Amino acid sequence: MLSDDKLRNKDKIIERIWKIRDYIQELENVKEGIIHFLLSRKKLDNVTKDLWISDVKGLYYNTVSAWEMLNSASKGNLKFLDKSKNFLHNARSLLAKIISELKFFKEELVLNLITEIENSFEKCWSAFYNEFDILTPEKKSTKHFERVIKVSDSEYHLPCSVCGKNSVECKIGYGRFDEHESLVYSGITHSRSLKKNLASELFKYLKKENLAEVHSFMKDYLCYEGMDAYCPECDKIYCWEHYNARVEYDDGFYDCTYGECPAGHGRMIDD
């Protein structure tokens, strides 16, 4: 049986999580205001209007789903914590997209709408992360995560240095559209295929756990930004959450993704 103190703490957590619904209600009110604004704009064609309204609704419903997962986690189903975080991060990405779409309109009212939705979502974000921090099981400070995990001679994984979550995979296999075996890279922002004959060079660096060389290799053969989950200044790998990855949009279209590691080092990780 749970002690009285544990029961009281659990009740307080459930009560706080229930109150997050007030912030979500505020977010819904802002959502309705933005939808009304978009519907009233004559110069926006109906297809674009529907897409942008869908983004606004998506922000709200992802936040609601995050709350539902958090509520389940508070009742002991901690496997729902990651699902809650995923929904919340999806909502934050949509927020960036919505703001870029609203900026299409050069009106003073737009600035007010942007401020309202930013402030409203920030309240939700802060309230959620307060509970995430409380509900996340404590990890011993001595916990050490391997820099490189060799799954087989043809597959390597790179775990997040903070939480151990698998953040990068490099393997010989088939990418989504590959007809032949390739060297497949899967990171925190994208997956791409390289020529299979490059694998021996990459695997040599991975065997030595030389992340800087892996990053340099990816800059040469994958993309200018190199390994998206890697912080060159820390010489460490981070997952999406711990790299605090943020998607940027321009007029509603994907522009790039920035990351900032726990030490405050920031860079563009995908363009």
C-alpha atoms as a PDB file:
ATOM      1  CA  MET A   1       0.000   0.000   0.000  1.00  0.00           C
ATOM      2  CA  LEU A   2       1.083   3.565  -0.629  1.00  0.00           C
ATOM      3  CA  SER A   3       1.996   5.677   2.382  1.00  0.00           C
ATOM      4  CA  ASP A   4      -0.059   8.766   3.205  1.00  0.00           C
ATOM      5  CA  ASP A   5       2.762  11.042   1.952  1.00  0.00           C
ATOM      6  CA  LYS A   6       3.003   9.209  -1.365  1.00  0.00           C
ATOM      7  CA  LEU A   7      -0.752   9.327  -1.778  1.00  0.00           C
ATOM      8  CA  ARG A   8      -0.773  13.060  -1.092  1.00  0.00           C
ATOM      9  CA  ASN A   9       2.061  13.647  -3.574  1.00  0.00           C
ATOM     10  CA  LYS A  10       0.286  11.573  -6.194  1.00  0.00           C
ATOM     11  CA  ASP A  11      -2.929  13.500  -5.606  1.00  0.00           C
ATOM     12  CA  LYS A  12      -1.052  16.797  -5.997  1.00  0.00           C
ATOM     13  CA  ILE A  13       0.466  15.654  -9.291  1.00  0.00           C
ATOM     14  CA  ILE A  14      -2.926  14.581 -10.621  1.00  0.00           C
ATOM     15  CA  GLU A  15      -4.407  17.897  -9.494  1.00  0.00           C
ATOM     16  CA  ARG A  16      -1.669  19.914 -11.238  1.00  0.00           C
ATOM     17  CA  ILE A  17      -2.021  17.887 -14.416  1.00  0.00           C
ATOM     18  CA  TRP A  18      -5.762  18.441 -14.354  1.00  0.00           C
ATOM     19  CA  LYS A  19      -5.168  22.198 -14.092  1.00  0.00           C
ATOM     20  CA  ILE A  20      -3.100  22.122 -17.290  1.00  0.00           C
ATOM     21  CA  ARG A  21      -6.471  21.821 -18.997  1.00  0.00           C
ATOM     22  CA  ASP A  22      -7.031  25.489 -18.121  1.00  0.00           C
ATOM     23  CA  TYR A  23      -3.980  26.434 -20.191  1.00  0.00           C
ATOM     24  CA  ILE A  24      -5.178  24.174 -22.991  1.00  0.00           C
ATOM     25  CA  GLN A  25      -8.576  25.871 -22.873  1.00  0.00           C
ATOM     26  CA  GLU A  26      -6.819  29.213 -23.277  1.00  0.00           C
ATOM     27  CA  LEU A  27      -4.916  27.745 -26.227  1.00  0.00           C
ATOM     28  CA  GLU A  28      -8.198  26.604 -27.752  1.00  0.00           C
ATOM     29  CA  ASN A  29      -9.596  30.125 -27.471  1.00  0.00           C
ATOM     30  CA  VAL A  30      -6.549  31.509 -29.270  1.00  0.00           C
ATOM     31  CA  LYS A  31      -6.903  28.760 -31.881  1.00  0.00           C
ATOM     32  CA  GLU A  32     -10.480  29.802 -32.581  1.00  0.00           C
ATOM     33  CA  GLY A  33      -9.409  33.438 -32.897  1.00  0.00           C
ATOM     34  CA  ILE A  34      -6.738  32.574 -35.463  1.00  0.00           C
ATOM     35  CA  ILE A  35      -9.133  30.378 -37.437  1.00  0.00           C
ATOM     36  CA  HIS A  36     -11.670  33.207 -37.493  1.00  0.00           C
ATOM     37  CA  PHE A  37      -8.935  35.563 -38.699  1.00  0.00           C
ATOM     38  CA  LEU A  38      -7.881  33.207 -41.506  1.00  0.00           C
ATOM     39  CA  LEU A  39     -11.459  32.590 -42.625  1.00  0.00           C
ATOM     40  CA  SER A  40     -12.059  36.328 -42.895  1.00  0.00           C
ATOM     41  CA  ARG A  41      -9.078  37.004 -45.175  1.00  0.00           C
ATOM     42  CA  LYS A  42     -10.219  37.328 -48.789  1.00  0.00           C
ATOM     43  CA  LYS A  43      -6.795  37.324 -50.446  1.00  0.00           C
ATOM     44  CA  LEU A  44      -5.987  33.819 -49.210  1.00  0.00           C
ATOM     45  CA  ASP A  45      -7.082  31.059 -51.599  1.00  0.00           C
ATOM     46  CA  ASN A  46      -9.239  28.304 -50.143  1.00  0.00           C
ATOM     47  CA  VAL A  47      -6.657  25.524 -50.492  1.00  0.00           C
ATOM     48  CA  THR A  48      -4.006  27.486 -48.597  1.00  0.00           C
ATOM     49  CA  LYS A  49      -6.600  28.653 -46.101  1.00  0.00           C
ATOM     50  CA  ASP A  50      -7.612  25.054 -45.349  1.00  0.00           C
ATOM     51  CA  LEU A  51      -3.978  23.981 -44.963  1.00  0.00           C
ATOM     52  CA  TRP A  52      -3.157  26.802 -42.566  1.00  0.00           C
ATOM     53  CA  ILE A  53      -6.304  26.200 -40.529  1.00  0.00           C
ATOM     54  CA  SER A  54      -5.325  22.525 -40.362  1.00  0.00           C
ATOM     55  CA  ASP A  55      -1.965  23.554 -38.879  1.00  0.00           C
ATOM     56  CA  VAL A  56      -3.690  25.616 -36.184  1.00  0.00           C
ATOM     57  CA  LYS A  57      -5.966  22.716 -35.316  1.00  0.00           C
ATOM     58  CA  GLY A  58      -2.981  20.365 -35.350  1.00  0.00           C
ATOM     59  CA  LEU A  59      -1.183  22.483 -32.754  1.00  0.00           C
ATOM     60  CA  TYR A  60      -4.186  22.312 -30.464  1.00  0.00           C
ATOM     61  CA  TYR A  61      -4.936  18.608 -30.918  1.00  0.00           C
ATOM     62  CA  ASN A  62      -1.294  17.601 -30.471  1.00  0.00           C
ATOM     63  CA  THR A  63      -1.306  19.516 -27.187  1.00  0.00           C
ATOM     64  CA  VAL A  64      -4.510  17.772 -26.135  1.00  0.00           C
ATOM     65  CA  SER A  65      -2.973  14.395 -27.013  1.00  0.00           C
ATOM     66  CA  ALA A  66       0.126  15.319 -25.011  1.00  0.00           C
ATOM     67  CA  TRP A  67      -2.129  15.997 -22.018  1.00  0.00           C
ATOM     68  CA  GLU A  68      -3.928  12.674 -22.420  1.00  0.00           C
ATOM     69  CA  MET A  69      -0.607  10.814 -22.479  1.00  0.00           C
ATOM     70  CA  LEU A  70       0.662  12.783 -19.475  1.00  0.00           C
ATOM     71  CA  ASN A  71      -2.526  12.028 -17.583  1.00  0.00           C
ATOM     72  CA  SER A  72      -2.006   8.313 -18.238  1.00  0.00           C
ATOM     73  CA  ALA A  73       1.628   8.576 -17.141  1.00  0.00           C
ATOM     74  CA  SER A  74       0.575  10.203 -13.865  1.00  0.00           C
ATOM     75  CA  LYS A  75      -1.432   7.083 -13.052  1.00  0.00           C
ATOM     76  CA  GLY A  76       1.649   4.896 -13.238  1.00  0.00           C
ATOM     77  CA  ASN A  77       1.934   4.185 -16.958  1.00  0.00           C
ATOM     78  CA  LEU A  78       5.311   5.896 -17.391  1.00  0.00           C
ATOM     79  CA  LYS A  79       5.698   4.514 -20.913  1.00  0.00           C
ATOM     80  CA  PHE A  80       3.304   7.295 -21.934  1.00  0.00           C
ATOM     81  CA  LEU A  81       5.790  10.016 -20.919  1.00  0.00           C
ATOM     82  CA  ASP A  82       7.753   9.793 -24.165  1.00  0.00           C
ATOM     83  CA  LYS A  83       4.522   9.789 -26.159  1.00  0.00           C
ATOM     84  CA  SER A  84       3.425  12.929 -24.341  1.00  0.00           C
ATOM     85  CA  LYS A  85       6.755  14.604 -25.124  1.00  0.00           C
ATOM     86  CA  ASN A  86       6.490  13.616 -28.785  1.00  0.00           C
ATOM     87  CA  PHE A  87       3.039  15.161 -29.120  1.00  0.00           C
ATOM     88  CA  LEU A  88       4.208  18.319 -27.349  1.00  0.00           C
ATOM     89  CA  HIS A  89       7.260  18.672 -29.599  1.00  0.00           C
ATOM     90  CA  ASN A  90       5.048  18.152 -32.645  1.00  0.00           C
ATOM     91  CA  ALA A  91       2.879  20.978 -31.354  1.00  0.00           C
ATOM     92  CA  ARG A  92       5.910  23.240 -30.929  1.00  0.00           C
ATOM     93  CA  SER A  93       6.991  22.561 -34.516  1.00  0.00           C
ATOM     94  CA  LEU A  94       3.500  23.458 -35.709  1.00  0.00           C
ATOM     95  CA  LEU A  95       3.644  26.641 -33.643  1.00  0.00           C
ATOM     96  CA  ALA A  96       6.716  27.762 -35.592  1.00  0.00           C
ATOM     97  CA  LYS A  97       4.928  26.933 -38.831  1.00  0.00           C
ATOM     98  CA  ILE A  98       1.773  28.825 -37.827  1.00  0.00           C
ATOM     99  CA  ILE A  99       3.767  31.919 -36.881  1.00  0.00           C
ATOM    100  CA  SER A 100       5.507  31.905 -40.270  1.00  0.00           C
ATOM    101  CA  GLU A 101       2.112  31.598 -41.971  1.00  0.00           C
ATOM    102  CA  LEU A 102       0.574  34.442 -39.989  1.00  0.00           C
ATOM    103  CA  LYS A 103       3.486  36.703 -40.930  1.00  0.00           C
ATOM    104  CA  PHE A 104       2.246  36.486 -44.511  1.00  0.00           C
ATOM    105  CA  PHE A 105      -0.320  39.086 -43.477  1.00  0.00           C
ATOM    106  CA  LYS A 106       1.205  42.509 -42.937  1.00  0.00           C
ATOM    107  CA  GLU A 107      -1.362  43.619 -40.392  1.00  0.00           C
ATOM    108  CA  GLU A 108      -1.052  44.920 -36.854  1.00  0.00           C
ATOM    109  CA  LEU A 109      -3.596  42.357 -35.661  1.00  0.00           C
ATOM    110  CA  VAL A 110      -1.205  39.577 -36.673  1.00  0.00           C
ATOM    111  CA  LEU A 111       1.351  40.672 -34.078  1.00  0.00           C
ATOM    112  CA  ASN A 112      -1.287  40.346 -31.376  1.00  0.00           C
ATOM    113  CA  LEU A 113      -2.293  36.881 -32.574  1.00  0.00           C
ATOM    114  CA  ILE A 114       1.326  35.730 -32.637  1.00  0.00           C
ATOM    115  CA  THR A 115       1.934  37.056 -29.129  1.00  0.00           C
ATOM    116  CA  GLU A 116      -1.220  35.377 -27.855  1.00  0.00           C
ATOM    117  CA  ILE A 117      -0.440  31.965 -29.285  1.00  0.00           C
ATOM    118  CA  GLU A 118       3.217  32.116 -28.209  1.00  0.00           C
ATOM    119  CA  ASN A 119       2.302  33.061 -24.644  1.00  0.00           C
ATOM    120  CA  SER A 120      -0.503  30.536 -24.448  1.00  0.00           C
ATOM    121  CA  PHE A 121       1.632  27.669 -25.710  1.00  0.00           C
ATOM    122  CA  GLU A 122       4.543  28.661 -23.468  1.00  0.00           C
ATOM    123  CA  LYS A 123       2.256  28.241 -20.435  1.00  0.00           C
ATOM    124  CA  CYS A 124       1.363  24.756 -21.640  1.00  0.00           C
ATOM    125  CA  TRP A 125       4.992  23.889 -22.400  1.00  0.00           C
ATOM    126  CA  SER A 126       6.228  25.005 -18.968  1.00  0.00           C
ATOM    127  CA  ALA A 127       3.433  23.196 -17.139  1.00  0.00           C
ATOM    128  CA  PHE A 128       4.063  19.985 -19.073  1.00  0.00           C
ATOM    129  CA  TYR A 129       7.811  20.040 -18.490  1.00  0.00           C
ATOM    130  CA  ASN A 130       7.332  20.666 -14.800  1.00  0.00           C
ATOM    131  CA  GLU A 131       5.451  17.364 -14.640  1.00  0.00           C
ATOM    132  CA  PHE A 132       7.887  15.595 -16.973  1.00  0.00           C
ATOM    133  CA  ASP A 133      10.726  16.469 -14.595  1.00  0.00           C
ATOM    134  CA  ILE A 134       8.772  15.168 -11.612  1.00  0.00           C
ATOM    135  CA  LEU A 135       7.507  11.971 -13.233  1.00  0.00           C
ATOM    136  CA  THR A 136      10.709  10.980 -15.037  1.00  0.00           C
ATOM    137  CA  PRO A 137      12.456   8.274 -12.987  1.00  0.00           C
ATOM    138  CA  GLU A 138      15.728   9.510 -11.520  1.00  0.00           C
ATOM    139  CA  LYS A 139      18.859   8.195 -13.174  1.00  0.00           C
ATOM    140  CA  LYS A 140      21.933   7.647 -11.077  1.00  0.00           C
ATOM    141  CA  SER A 141      24.539  10.311 -11.752  1.00  0.00           C
ATOM    142  CA  THR A 142      27.085   7.554 -12.328  1.00  0.00           C
ATOM    143  CA  LYS A 143      25.070   6.189 -15.255  1.00  0.00           C
ATOM    144  CA  HIS A 144      27.306   6.032 -18.297  1.00  0.00           C
ATOM    145  CA  PHE A 145      26.029   5.655 -21.834  1.00  0.00           C
ATOM    146  CA  GLU A 146      28.276   4.203 -24.487  1.00  0.00           C
ATOM    147  CA  ARG A 147      29.417   6.610 -27.181  1.00  0.00           C
ATOM    148  CA  VAL A 148      28.987   4.000 -29.887  1.00  0.00           C
ATOM    149  CA  ILE A 149      27.045   0.737 -29.822  1.00  0.00           C
ATOM    150  CA  LYS A 150      28.104  -1.919 -32.299  1.00  0.00           C
ATOM    151  CA  VAL A 151      24.992  -3.910 -33.171  1.00  0.00           C
ATOM    152  CA  SER A 152      26.758  -5.977 -35.825  1.00  0.00           C
ATOM    153  CA  ASP A 153      29.600  -5.656 -38.319  1.00  0.00           C
ATOM    154  CA  SER A 154      27.227  -3.691 -40.548  1.00  0.00           C
ATOM    155  CA  GLU A 155      25.242  -1.622 -38.038  1.00  0.00           C
ATOM    156  CA  TYR A 156      26.149   0.952 -35.394  1.00  0.00           C
ATOM    157  CA  HIS A 157      23.992   3.042 -33.068  1.00  0.00           C
ATOM    158  CA  LEU A 158      24.845   6.323 -31.345  1.00  0.00           C
ATOM    159  CA  PRO A 159      22.894   6.931 -28.113  1.00  0.00           C
ATOM    160  CA  CYS A 160      22.080  10.291 -26.561  1.00  0.00           C
ATOM    161  CA  SER A 161      24.754  11.167 -24.011  1.00  0.00           C
ATOM    162  CA  VAL A 162      22.073  12.453 -21.615  1.00  0.00           C
ATOM    163  CA  CYS A 163      19.324   9.825 -21.665  1.00  0.00           C
ATOM    164  CA  GLY A 164      20.739   6.955 -23.717  1.00  0.00           C
ATOM    165  CA  LYS A 165      17.991   7.103 -26.333  1.00  0.00           C
ATOM    166  CA  ASN A 166      19.132   5.846 -29.723  1.00  0.00           C
ATOM    167  CA  SER A 167      19.692   8.991 -31.809  1.00  0.00           C
ATOM    168  CA  VAL A 168      21.709   7.912 -34.852  1.00  0.00           C
ATOM    169  CA  GLU A 169      21.845   4.669 -36.798  1.00  0.00           C
ATOM    170  CA  CYS A 170      24.399   3.844 -39.480  1.00  0.00           C
ATOM    171  CA  LYS A 171      23.921   0.539 -41.222  1.00  0.00           C
ATOM    172  CA  ILE A 172      24.105  -1.333 -44.471  1.00  0.00           C
ATOM    173  CA  GLY A 173      20.565  -1.936 -45.612  1.00  0.00           C
ATOM    174  CA  TYR A 174      17.770  -0.456 -47.653  1.00  0.00           C
ATOM    175  CA  GLY A 175      16.555   3.093 -47.370  1.00  0.00           C
ATOM    176  CA  ARG A 176      12.959   3.982 -48.106  1.00  0.00           C
ATOM    177  CA  PHE A 177      13.431   4.261 -51.871  1.00  0.00           C
ATOM    178  CA  ASP A 178      16.536   2.121 -52.364  1.00  0.00           C
ATOM    179  CA  GLU A 179      16.564  -0.644 -54.948  1.00  0.00           C
ATOM    180  CA  HIS A 180      19.981  -1.855 -53.850  1.00  0.00           C
ATOM    181  CA  GLU A 181      21.767  -2.075 -50.524  1.00  0.00           C
ATOM    182  CA  SER A 182      23.110   1.255 -49.317  1.00  0.00           C
ATOM    183  CA  LEU A 183      24.822   2.826 -46.362  1.00  0.00           C
ATOM    184  CA  VAL A 184      21.763   4.160 -44.543  1.00  0.00           C
ATOM    185  CA  TYR A 185      22.027   7.060 -42.125  1.00  0.00           C
ATOM    186  CA  SER A 186      19.118   7.759 -39.754  1.00  0.00           C
ATOM    187  CA  GLY A 187      19.411  10.771 -37.462  1.00  0.00           C
ATOM    188  CA  ILE A 188      17.109  12.981 -35.419  1.00  0.00           C
ATOM    189  CA  THR A 189      15.966  15.092 -38.382  1.00  0.00           C
ATOM    190  CA  HIS A 190      16.252  12.890 -41.450  1.00  0.00           C
ATOM    191  CA  SER A 191      17.267   9.571 -42.997  1.00  0.00           C
ATOM    192  CA  ARG A 192      19.351   9.321 -46.157  1.00  0.00           C
ATOM    193  CA  SER A 193      21.184   6.708 -48.167  1.00  0.00           C
ATOM    194  CA  LEU A 194      24.817   6.843 -49.240  1.00  0.00           C
ATOM    195  CA  LYS A 195      26.852   4.591 -51.498  1.00  0.00           C
ATOM    196  CA  LYS A 196      27.498   1.238 -49.895  1.00  0.00           C
ATOM    197  CA  ASN A 197      31.213   1.369 -50.679  1.00  0.00           C
ATOM    198  CA  LEU A 198      31.601   4.251 -48.199  1.00  0.00           C
ATOM    199  CA  ALA A 199      30.690   1.988 -45.290  1.00  0.00           C
ATOM    200  CA  SER A 200      34.198   0.668 -44.621  1.00  0.00           C
ATOM    201  CA  GLU A 201      35.551   4.183 -44.053  1.00  0.00           C
ATOM    202  CA  LEU A 202      32.658   5.201 -41.805  1.00  0.00           C
ATOM    203  CA  PHE A 203      32.721   1.988 -39.790  1.00  0.00           C
ATOM    204  CA  LYS A 204      36.453   2.479 -39.190  1.00  0.00           C
ATOM    205  CA  TYR A 205      35.704   5.762 -37.404  1.00  0.00           C
ATOM    206  CA  LEU A 206      32.785   4.246 -35.517  1.00  0.00           C
ATOM    207  CA  LYS A 207      34.917   1.353 -34.262  1.00  0.00           C
ATOM    208  CA  LYS A 208      37.336   3.921 -32.837  1.00  0.00           C
ATOM    209  CA  GLU A 209      34.391   5.883 -31.354  1.00  0.00           C
ATOM    210  CA  ASN A 210      35.748   8.948 -33.129  1.00  0.00           C
ATOM    211  CA  LEU A 211      32.593  11.050 -33.381  1.00  0.00           C
ATOM    212  CA  ALA A 212      34.447  14.062 -34.766  1.00  0.00           C
ATOM    213  CA  GLU A 213      35.623  12.000 -37.739  1.00  0.00           C
ATOM    214  CA  VAL A 214      32.120  10.592 -38.221  1.00  0.00           C
ATOM    215  CA  HIS A 215      30.791  14.156 -38.268  1.00  0.00           C
ATOM    216  CA  SER A 216      33.453  15.204 -40.778  1.00  0.00           C
ATOM    217  CA  PHE A 217      32.619  12.175 -42.923  1.00  0.00           C
ATOM    218  CA  MET A 218      28.942  13.143 -42.928  1.00  0.00           C
ATOM    219  CA  LYS A 219      29.819  16.729 -43.885  1.00  0.00           C
ATOM    220  CA  ASP A 220      31.731  15.362 -46.870  1.00  0.00           C
ATOM    221  CA  TYR A 221      29.209  12.794 -48.061  1.00  0.00           C
ATOM    222  CA  LEU A 222      25.820  13.461 -46.442  1.00  0.00           C
ATOM    223  CA  CYS A 223      25.194  17.189 -46.043  1.00  0.00           C
ATOM    224  CA  TYR A 224      26.925  20.411 -45.066  1.00  0.00           C
ATOM    225  CA  GLU A 225      25.544  20.245 -41.509  1.00  0.00           C
ATOM    226  CA  GLY A 226      27.059  16.813 -40.948  1.00  0.00           C
ATOM    227  CA  MET A 227      25.673  14.556 -38.244  1.00  0.00           C
ATOM    228  CA  ASP A 228      22.478  16.197 -37.014  1.00  0.00           C
ATOM    229  CA  ALA A 229      22.547  14.725 -33.496  1.00  0.00           C
ATOM    230  CA  TYR A 230      26.162  15.734 -32.855  1.00  0.00           C
ATOM    231  CA  CYS A 231      27.464  18.765 -30.976  1.00  0.00           C
ATOM    232  CA  PRO A 232      31.015  19.407 -32.241  1.00  0.00           C
ATOM    233  CA  GLU A 233      31.920  21.574 -29.253  1.00  0.00           C
ATOM    234  CA  CYS A 234      30.827  18.954 -26.718  1.00  0.00           C
ATOM    235  CA  ASP A 235      31.887  16.014 -28.879  1.00  0.00           C
ATOM    236  CA  LYS A 236      28.646  14.345 -27.800  1.00  0.00           C
ATOM    237  CA  ILE A 237      25.451  12.944 -29.294  1.00  0.00           C
ATOM    238  CA  TYR A 238      22.025  14.254 -28.266  1.00  0.00           C
ATOM    239  CA  CYS A 239      18.485  13.106 -28.994  1.00  0.00           C
ATOM    240  CA  TRP A 240      15.871  15.507 -30.383  1.00  0.00           C
ATOM    241  CA  GLU A 241      14.731  16.528 -26.918  1.00  0.00           C
ATOM    242  CA  HIS A 242      18.150  17.065 -25.360  1.00  0.00           C
ATOM    243  CA  TYR A 243      19.450  18.901 -28.434  1.00  0.00           C
ATOM    244  CA  ASN A 244      16.373  21.099 -27.962  1.00  0.00           C
ATOM    245  CA  ALA A 245      15.761  20.861 -31.707  1.00  0.00           C
ATOM    246  CA  ARG A 246      13.548  23.586 -33.151  1.00  0.00           C
ATOM    247  CA  VAL A 247      12.111  23.647 -36.647  1.00  0.00           C
ATOM    248  CA  GLU A 248      12.029  26.962 -38.525  1.00  0.00           C
ATOM    249  CA  TYR A 249       9.561  27.821 -41.294  1.00  0.00           C
ATOM    250  CA  ASP A 250       9.326  30.546 -43.918  1.00  0.00           C
ATOM    251  CA  ASP A 251       5.802  31.415 -45.148  1.00  0.00           C
ATOM    252  CA  GLY A 252       4.648  28.002 -43.968  1.00  0.00           C
ATOM    253  CA  PHE A 253       7.383  26.047 -45.749  1.00  0.00           C
ATOM    254  CA  TYR A 254      10.142  24.135 -43.984  1.00  0.00           C
ATOM    255  CA  ASP A 255      13.333  26.162 -43.767  1.00  0.00           C
ATOM    256  CA  CYS A 256      15.731  24.466 -41.353  1.00  0.00           C
ATOM    257  CA  THR A 257      16.195  22.965 -37.901  1.00  0.00           C
ATOM    258  CA  TYR A 258      18.366  24.403 -35.154  1.00  0.00           C
ATOM    259  CA  GLY A 259      19.717  22.553 -32.145  1.00  0.00           C
ATOM    260  CA  GLU A 260      21.027  23.791 -28.822  1.00  0.00           C
ATOM    261  CA  CYS A 261      22.762  21.303 -26.547  1.00  0.00           C
ATOM    262  CA  PRO A 262      22.499  21.330 -22.726  1.00  0.00           C
ATOM    263  CA  ALA A 263      25.761  23.307 -22.586  1.00  0.00           C
ATOM    264  CA  GLY A 264      24.251  26.071 -24.716  1.00  0.00           C
ATOM    265  CA  HIS A 265      26.107  25.348 -27.961  1.00  0.00           C
ATOM    266  CA  GLY A 266      23.813  26.066 -30.891  1.00  0.00           C
ATOM    267  CA  ARG A 267      24.026  25.312 -34.591  1.00  0.00           C
ATOM    268  CA  MET A 268      21.922  24.533 -37.638  1.00  0.00           C
ATOM    269  CA  ILE A 269      21.517  20.756 -37.736  1.00  0.00           C
ATOM    270  CA  ASP A 270      19.419  20.443 -40.902  1.00  0.00           C
ATOM    271  CA  ASP A 271      18.765  22.717 -43.867  1.00  0.00           C
END
